[in-house]
Amino acid sequence: MAACIPQQKKASPIIEWNPTDIFRPPSSNAPPDYALLILNQPIHNHVGMIKRLWNNAIFHIAADGAANCLHDAAGIHSDPSFDDLDVIIGDLDSISQVARTYYETPPRRTNVIYYRDDYSTDFAKAVEHTRAKYRPSLKGKDIVVVGSLGGRVDHGISQLHHLYLFQRDPDYNEGKMYFFSGESLTFMLKAGRKHVIRVRDGPAGEKDVFAKWVGILPMKEPSYITTKGLEWDVTDWPTEFGGQMSTSNHILPETQVIEVEATKDVLFTMSLREN
């Protein structure tokens, strides 16, 4: 009788991530190619990093009251860092008259858009507008969201809920979405893909963007995960809320690329170095 030959596991499609590019000054070799979306959360504590993100972005949009945060952090102090805000959008029930007047007054050219929809949040309206702007292109635009996590717990959970809504496509054809919270960067890894995440371009050192801590979180449902490049790598490891969780894992000093595969969508979060 012929011996049974075990079937090889089918290779998963590869999704490449280069989150370090978000924070580095643009160069001719790797020009920035993302939109920056500001939510209504104070930004004073991280204004330096946000200015870096702002300067790298090619489009800037504020969800309603987020314009107040930008004005309070810069404009009110005669700091023009955020004066090239492209769009303010929402039902406009949160933006102050002072901030609105500021951004509508030349030389600023901000487009203020009233968009009322009781079944859609200002966050969703801003994402919809940004994606519609770039939809004619073959590939959607990546979006970096500032103010998504932090403050009230229910707001934070709501933003993670929105991330699941906005990242339905397993191949990210509408663009990838990153949540910047000041201390960390968070994004969704879709199931059935091999995610190759570049965390540094050389040996560990002062040029690193990220600190060592990593979490892989099965927010929606249980998953099995396989990792490579972490201090505590796992293979086909079950993870779920109320069970095993991969939090506070470490990026190894020699690691340049982390690989993650999951059977269900998971959140991937990395801590940022203090600057």
Protein backbone atom coordinates (compact mmCIF):
# COMPACT_ATOMS: atom_id res chain seq x y z
CA MET A 1 0.00 0.00 0.00
CA ALA A 2 1.39 3.39 -0.95
CA ALA A 3 2.26 5.68 1.92
CA CYS A 4 0.04 8.70 2.44
CA ILE A 5 1.79 11.90 1.49
CA PRO A 6 0.77 14.78 3.77
CA GLN A 7 -0.57 17.76 1.92
CA GLN A 8 1.48 20.90 2.20
CA LYS A 9 -0.18 23.94 3.69
CA LYS A 10 -1.09 26.40 0.98
CA ALA A 11 1.00 29.56 1.18
CA SER A 12 -0.99 32.61 2.25
CA PRO A 13 -0.95 35.77 0.12
CA ILE A 14 1.59 38.26 1.48
CA ILE A 15 0.63 41.72 2.74
CA GLU A 16 3.57 44.06 3.32
CA TRP A 17 3.50 46.79 5.96
CA ASN A 18 6.01 49.63 6.30
CA PRO A 19 4.74 51.65 9.28
CA THR A 20 8.14 53.27 9.89
CA ASP A 21 7.63 55.31 6.70
CA ILE A 22 4.71 57.13 8.31
CA PHE A 23 6.97 58.88 10.81
CA ARG A 24 10.12 59.50 8.79
CA PRO A 25 10.78 62.67 6.80
CA PRO A 26 9.71 62.17 3.18
CA SER A 27 12.38 61.39 0.60
CA SER A 28 12.43 61.09 -3.16
CA ASN A 29 12.79 57.32 -2.79
CA ALA A 30 9.75 56.89 -0.54
CA PRO A 31 7.42 59.89 -0.77
CA PRO A 32 4.55 59.96 1.73
CA ASP A 33 1.31 58.58 0.44
CA TYR A 34 -1.29 58.79 3.19
CA ALA A 35 -4.09 61.00 4.40
CA LEU A 36 -4.14 62.27 7.99
CA LEU A 37 -7.51 62.23 9.77
CA ILE A 38 -7.87 64.09 13.07
CA LEU A 39 -10.55 63.12 15.60
CA ASN A 40 -11.93 65.19 18.45
CA GLN A 41 -9.37 64.40 21.16
CA PRO A 42 -6.81 66.77 22.76
CA ILE A 43 -3.45 66.59 21.00
CA HIS A 44 -1.28 68.81 23.22
CA ASN A 45 0.70 65.93 24.69
CA HIS A 46 1.84 64.65 21.31
CA VAL A 47 1.85 67.76 19.16
CA GLY A 48 5.49 67.26 18.10
CA MET A 49 4.83 63.80 16.68
CA ILE A 50 1.56 64.96 15.13
CA LYS A 51 3.40 67.79 13.35
CA ARG A 52 5.71 65.17 11.87
CA LEU A 53 2.72 63.13 10.68
CA TRP A 54 1.12 66.29 9.34
CA ASN A 55 4.17 67.27 7.32
CA ASN A 56 4.39 63.79 5.80
CA ALA A 57 0.71 63.56 4.84
CA ILE A 58 -0.63 64.61 1.44
CA PHE A 59 -4.17 65.34 2.66
CA HIS A 60 -5.46 66.62 6.01
CA ILE A 61 -9.03 66.25 7.23
CA ALA A 62 -10.62 67.02 10.61
CA ALA A 63 -13.81 65.40 11.86
CA ASP A 64 -15.96 68.29 13.13
CA GLY A 65 -14.73 69.24 16.63
CA ALA A 66 -11.23 68.01 15.85
CA ALA A 67 -10.72 71.44 14.30
CA ASN A 68 -10.93 72.87 17.83
CA CYS A 69 -8.09 70.59 18.91
CA LEU A 70 -5.88 71.74 16.05
CA HIS A 71 -6.69 75.38 16.72
CA ASP A 72 -6.07 75.05 20.46
CA ALA A 73 -2.74 73.30 19.91
CA ALA A 74 -1.34 75.69 17.31
CA GLY A 75 -3.48 78.40 15.71
CA ILE A 76 -4.40 80.10 18.98
CA HIS A 77 -0.66 80.48 19.64
CA SER A 78 0.01 81.99 16.18
CA ASP A 79 1.58 78.68 15.14
CA PRO A 80 0.70 78.02 11.47
CA SER A 81 1.65 74.33 11.58
CA PHE A 82 -1.90 73.13 10.88
CA ASP A 83 -3.07 76.03 8.73
CA ASP A 84 -3.06 73.92 5.57
CA LEU A 85 -5.97 71.83 6.87
CA ASP A 86 -7.81 70.72 3.73
CA VAL A 87 -11.26 69.75 5.02
CA ILE A 88 -13.45 69.96 8.10
CA ILE A 89 -16.45 67.65 7.82
CA GLY A 90 -19.37 66.55 9.97
CA ASP A 91 -22.68 67.81 11.27
CA LEU A 92 -20.70 70.79 12.66
CA ASP A 93 -22.30 70.65 16.09
CA SER A 94 -18.92 70.46 17.87
CA ILE A 95 -16.69 72.92 16.06
CA SER A 96 -16.41 76.28 17.79
CA GLN A 97 -17.16 79.47 15.93
CA VAL A 98 -13.64 80.68 16.73
CA ALA A 99 -12.01 77.64 15.13
CA ARG A 100 -14.34 77.71 12.14
CA THR A 101 -13.68 81.40 11.50
CA TYR A 102 -9.95 80.82 11.83
CA TYR A 103 -9.84 78.07 9.20
CA GLU A 104 -12.20 79.87 6.82
CA THR A 105 -10.18 83.10 6.93
CA PRO A 106 -7.51 83.63 4.20
CA PRO A 107 -4.74 82.75 3.67
CA ARG A 108 -6.16 79.49 5.01
CA ARG A 109 -8.25 77.59 2.44
CA THR A 110 -10.02 74.94 4.48
CA ASN A 111 -13.19 73.52 2.94
CA VAL A 112 -15.87 73.25 5.64
CA ILE A 113 -18.46 70.61 4.70
CA TYR A 114 -21.79 70.24 6.49
CA TYR A 115 -22.79 66.58 6.32
CA ARG A 116 -25.76 65.52 8.41
CA ASP A 117 -26.48 61.82 8.78
CA ASP A 118 -27.82 60.64 12.11
CA TYR A 119 -26.74 57.08 11.34
CA SER A 120 -23.11 57.94 10.64
CA THR A 121 -20.43 59.31 12.97
CA ASP A 122 -18.21 62.24 12.04
CA PHE A 123 -15.35 59.74 11.91
CA ALA A 124 -17.19 57.68 9.30
CA LYS A 125 -18.05 60.81 7.30
CA ALA A 126 -14.39 61.82 7.21
CA VAL A 127 -13.30 58.36 6.07
CA GLU A 128 -16.02 58.28 3.40
CA HIS A 129 -14.98 61.69 2.09
CA THR A 130 -11.29 60.77 1.99
CA ARG A 131 -11.88 57.48 0.22
CA ALA A 132 -14.22 59.11 -2.31
CA LYS A 133 -11.51 61.67 -3.10
CA TYR A 134 -9.04 58.93 -4.08
CA ARG A 135 -11.46 56.27 -5.34
CA PRO A 136 -10.66 56.82 -9.06
CA SER A 137 -7.15 55.48 -8.39
CA LEU A 138 -6.45 51.77 -8.70
CA LYS A 139 -5.42 51.55 -5.04
CA GLY A 140 -7.06 53.34 -2.14
CA LYS A 141 -5.22 55.81 0.02
CA ASP A 142 -3.85 54.80 3.41
CA ILE A 143 -5.28 56.79 6.31
CA VAL A 144 -3.53 57.61 9.60
CA VAL A 145 -6.04 58.46 12.32
CA VAL A 146 -5.03 60.72 15.22
CA GLY A 147 -7.10 60.72 18.41
CA SER A 148 -8.64 57.33 17.83
CA LEU A 149 -7.63 55.76 21.15
CA GLY A 150 -7.50 57.51 24.49
CA GLY A 151 -9.99 59.30 26.70
CA ARG A 152 -13.29 57.58 27.41
CA VAL A 153 -13.30 53.78 27.20
CA ASP A 154 -16.57 53.63 25.23
CA HIS A 155 -15.16 56.06 22.66
CA GLY A 156 -12.03 53.94 22.31
CA ILE A 157 -14.04 50.76 21.80
CA SER A 158 -16.21 52.58 19.27
CA GLN A 159 -13.13 53.57 17.26
CA LEU A 160 -11.90 49.96 17.23
CA HIS A 161 -15.39 48.96 16.08
CA HIS A 162 -15.02 51.45 13.23
CA LEU A 163 -11.65 49.96 12.30
CA TYR A 164 -13.39 46.63 11.72
CA LEU A 165 -15.99 48.41 9.59
CA PHE A 166 -13.39 50.26 7.51
CA GLN A 167 -11.07 47.30 6.87
CA ARG A 168 -13.37 44.67 5.42
CA ASP A 169 -11.34 43.91 2.30
CA PRO A 170 -8.70 41.20 2.94
CA ASP A 171 -6.38 42.81 0.39
CA TYR A 172 -6.80 46.41 1.62
CA ASN A 173 -7.85 47.69 -1.79
CA GLU A 174 -9.44 50.75 -0.15
CA GLY A 175 -6.18 51.48 1.66
CA LYS A 176 -4.75 50.56 5.03
CA MET A 177 -5.75 52.37 8.22
CA TYR A 178 -3.46 53.13 11.16
CA PHE A 179 -4.55 54.38 14.60
CA PHE A 180 -2.01 56.69 16.23
CA SER A 181 -2.57 57.20 19.96
CA GLY A 182 0.64 58.98 20.94
CA GLU A 183 2.10 55.94 22.69
CA SER A 184 1.37 53.31 20.04
CA LEU A 185 0.38 52.53 16.47
CA THR A 186 -2.44 50.04 15.88
CA PHE A 187 -3.77 48.42 12.72
CA MET A 188 -5.76 45.39 11.61
CA LEU A 189 -4.29 42.19 10.24
CA LYS A 190 -6.79 40.42 8.04
CA ALA A 191 -7.26 36.67 8.29
CA GLY A 192 -5.80 34.29 5.72
CA ARG A 193 -2.85 36.54 4.86
CA LYS A 194 0.82 36.46 5.76
CA HIS A 195 1.57 39.91 7.15
CA VAL A 196 5.16 41.06 6.81
CA ILE A 197 5.66 44.09 9.04
CA ARG A 198 8.93 46.05 8.76
CA VAL A 199 9.81 47.55 12.14
CA ARG A 200 13.34 48.81 11.39
CA ASP A 201 15.81 48.98 8.48
CA GLY A 202 18.96 47.99 10.35
CA PRO A 203 20.29 47.08 13.79
CA ALA A 204 18.42 48.35 16.83
CA GLY A 205 19.46 51.88 17.71
CA GLU A 206 18.58 55.53 18.11
CA LYS A 207 16.89 55.69 14.71
CA ASP A 208 14.24 53.16 15.75
CA VAL A 209 10.67 54.44 15.49
CA PHE A 210 9.17 51.71 17.65
CA ALA A 211 9.90 50.50 21.15
CA LYS A 212 9.94 46.77 21.87
CA TRP A 213 6.36 46.08 23.04
CA VAL A 214 3.85 44.36 20.76
CA GLY A 215 0.30 43.10 21.21
CA ILE A 216 -1.85 40.89 18.96
CA LEU A 217 -5.49 41.16 19.99
CA PRO A 218 -8.47 39.06 18.80
CA MET A 219 -11.07 41.76 19.40
CA LYS A 220 -13.96 40.27 17.43
CA GLU A 221 -13.61 36.51 17.81
CA PRO A 222 -11.12 33.78 18.75
CA SER A 223 -8.22 33.20 16.37
CA TYR A 224 -5.14 31.05 15.89
CA ILE A 225 -1.95 33.02 15.31
CA THR A 226 1.56 32.23 14.10
CA THR A 227 4.40 34.72 14.56
CA LYS A 228 8.05 35.14 13.66
CA GLY A 229 10.48 37.80 14.91
CA LEU A 230 9.18 38.20 18.46
CA GLU A 231 10.78 37.13 21.71
CA TRP A 232 7.91 34.71 22.34
CA ASP A 233 6.94 33.39 18.93
CA VAL A 234 4.00 31.01 18.60
CA THR A 235 2.68 28.56 16.01
CA ASP A 236 -1.05 27.93 15.52
CA TRP A 237 -1.61 29.39 18.98
CA PRO A 238 -5.23 29.86 20.11
CA THR A 239 -6.03 33.32 21.41
CA GLU A 240 -9.25 34.88 22.64
CA PHE A 241 -10.64 37.25 25.26
CA GLY A 242 -11.05 35.26 28.44
CA GLY A 243 -8.36 32.84 27.28
CA GLN A 244 -4.77 33.26 26.09
CA MET A 245 -3.71 36.73 24.92
CA SER A 246 -0.49 37.88 23.27
CA THR A 247 0.22 41.20 24.98
CA SER A 248 3.52 42.81 26.05
CA ASN A 249 5.49 40.62 23.67
CA HIS A 250 8.88 41.97 22.58
CA ILE A 251 10.48 42.81 19.25
CA LEU A 252 13.95 41.24 19.30
CA PRO A 253 16.92 43.65 18.85
CA GLU A 254 17.96 41.83 15.68
CA THR A 255 14.45 41.74 14.20
CA GLN A 256 13.81 43.92 11.17
CA VAL A 257 10.61 42.22 10.01
CA ILE A 258 7.81 40.60 12.01
CA GLU A 259 5.62 37.98 10.34
CA VAL A 260 2.09 37.27 11.54
CA GLU A 261 -0.60 34.93 10.25
CA ALA A 262 -4.07 34.63 11.80
CA THR A 263 -7.14 32.54 11.10
CA LYS A 264 -9.41 35.46 12.06
CA ASP A 265 -8.88 39.22 11.96
CA VAL A 266 -6.70 40.53 14.80
CA LEU A 267 -5.46 43.92 15.92
CA PHE A 268 -1.71 44.47 15.89
CA THR A 269 -0.32 47.19 18.13
CA MET A 270 3.26 48.42 18.63
CA SER A 271 4.54 50.93 21.14
CA LEU A 272 6.35 54.03 19.90
CA ARG A 273 9.65 55.24 21.24
CA GLU A 274 9.54 58.41 23.30
CA ASN A 275 10.76 61.44 21.39
